[in-house]
Amino acid sequence: MPQYMITYLGGDQPASPEEGKQHFEKYKTWLSSLGESVVSPANSLKGTCTVNSDGSISSDSTTTMSGFTVIKASSMDDALAAAKACPFLDLNGSLEVSELIQMKL
């Protein structure tokens, strides 16, 4: 079955620790609803650096990507339906859904 990466972009921080806990509970409920289709849940990113084409490194990011989840789905439409139910959207974030292609070396 194809795998899809749901990429988290932007989004607002919860206004309080309590709001953060409530949001995280919604997120865990969403992941649970996906069942065995979840391959790699809740991969948050921090401390992103950029390696430039000249080999220099900068300690800032050029993207708003904050994390990703990998799921199995029978089609892009099914992956998009799963993404549309993600509570990250409640934080004014957006999601990109991409099919993962396994490269044969």
Protein backbone atom coordinates (compact mmCIF):
# COMPACT_ATOMS: atom_id res chain seq x y z
CA MET A 1 0.00 0.00 0.00
CA PRO A 2 1.37 3.47 -0.83
CA GLN A 3 2.72 5.67 1.94
CA TYR A 4 2.00 9.38 2.24
CA MET A 5 3.76 12.08 4.21
CA ILE A 6 1.56 14.71 5.83
CA THR A 7 3.75 17.78 6.33
CA TYR A 8 2.81 20.36 8.98
CA LEU A 9 3.37 23.98 7.90
CA GLY A 10 3.01 27.09 10.06
CA GLY A 11 0.34 27.08 12.70
CA ASP A 12 -0.17 29.07 15.88
CA GLN A 13 1.17 28.12 19.28
CA PRO A 14 -1.52 27.30 21.84
CA ALA A 15 -2.34 30.32 24.04
CA SER A 16 -1.72 28.42 27.29
CA PRO A 17 -0.34 25.11 28.56
CA GLU A 18 -3.92 23.95 29.15
CA GLU A 19 -4.88 24.75 25.56
CA GLY A 20 -1.77 22.89 24.42
CA LYS A 21 -2.81 19.81 26.41
CA GLN A 22 -6.33 19.95 24.96
CA HIS A 23 -4.96 20.23 21.45
CA PHE A 24 -2.55 17.35 22.01
CA GLU A 25 -5.44 15.17 23.19
CA LYS A 26 -7.29 15.96 19.93
CA TYR A 27 -4.13 15.10 18.00
CA LYS A 28 -3.75 11.74 19.81
CA THR A 29 -7.43 10.98 19.13
CA TRP A 30 -6.92 11.75 15.43
CA LEU A 31 -3.86 9.49 15.25
CA SER A 32 -5.76 6.71 17.04
CA SER A 33 -8.61 7.05 14.54
CA LEU A 34 -6.13 6.30 11.73
CA GLY A 35 -5.36 2.93 13.33
CA GLU A 36 -2.77 0.72 11.67
CA SER A 37 -2.42 3.08 8.73
CA VAL A 38 -0.03 5.22 10.82
CA VAL A 39 3.56 4.38 9.88
CA SER A 40 5.39 7.19 11.68
CA PRO A 41 3.33 9.53 13.88
CA ALA A 42 4.13 12.92 15.39
CA ASN A 43 7.61 13.72 14.09
CA SER A 44 8.27 17.26 15.31
CA LEU A 45 11.24 19.28 14.07
CA LYS A 46 13.40 21.78 15.94
CA GLY A 47 16.83 23.33 15.63
CA THR A 48 16.73 23.29 11.83
CA CYS A 49 19.86 24.40 9.97
CA THR A 50 20.26 24.98 6.25
CA VAL A 51 23.17 23.60 4.21
CA ASN A 52 23.57 25.91 1.22
CA SER A 53 24.77 24.93 -2.25
CA ASP A 54 28.18 26.50 -1.54
CA GLY A 55 28.60 24.29 1.53
CA SER A 56 27.97 27.06 4.05
CA ILE A 57 25.59 26.39 6.91
CA SER A 58 23.10 28.81 8.39
CA SER A 59 21.32 28.26 11.66
CA ASP A 60 17.94 29.33 10.39
CA SER A 61 15.36 27.57 8.32
CA THR A 62 13.99 28.56 4.93
CA THR A 63 10.74 26.64 5.48
CA THR A 64 7.77 26.78 7.81
CA MET A 65 7.76 22.97 8.12
CA SER A 66 7.36 22.01 11.77
CA GLY A 67 6.91 18.25 11.48
CA PHE A 68 5.39 15.34 9.64
CA THR A 69 3.40 12.11 9.92
CA VAL A 70 3.65 9.15 7.55
CA ILE A 71 0.55 7.06 6.85
CA LYS A 72 -0.45 4.21 4.54
CA ALA A 73 -3.47 4.85 2.34
CA SER A 74 -4.90 3.19 -0.74
CA SER A 75 -5.00 6.47 -2.69
CA MET A 76 -4.17 10.16 -2.55
CA ASP A 77 -7.87 10.85 -2.00
CA ASP A 78 -7.85 8.66 1.13
CA ALA A 79 -4.67 10.34 2.39
CA LEU A 80 -6.22 13.77 1.82
CA ALA A 81 -9.37 12.72 3.70
CA ALA A 82 -7.21 11.68 6.66
CA ALA A 83 -5.31 14.98 6.53
CA LYS A 84 -8.53 17.03 6.42
CA ALA A 85 -9.45 15.59 9.84
CA CYS A 86 -6.11 16.57 11.43
CA PRO A 87 -6.50 18.99 14.35
CA PHE A 88 -3.35 20.86 13.27
CA LEU A 89 -5.71 22.75 10.99
CA ASP A 90 -7.43 24.13 14.13
CA LEU A 91 -4.17 25.99 14.89
CA ASN A 92 -4.32 27.85 11.56
CA GLY A 93 -1.66 25.56 10.13
CA SER A 94 -1.73 24.01 6.70
CA LEU A 95 -0.86 20.52 5.55
CA GLU A 96 0.85 19.18 2.46
CA VAL A 97 0.25 15.58 1.49
CA SER A 98 2.85 13.83 -0.68
CA GLU A 99 3.12 10.25 -1.84
CA LEU A 100 6.44 8.73 -0.82
CA ILE A 101 8.30 6.99 -3.60
CA GLN A 102 10.79 4.30 -2.63
CA MET A 103 13.94 4.74 -4.70
CA LYS A 104 15.69 1.55 -5.77
CA LEU A 105 19.44 1.85 -5.63
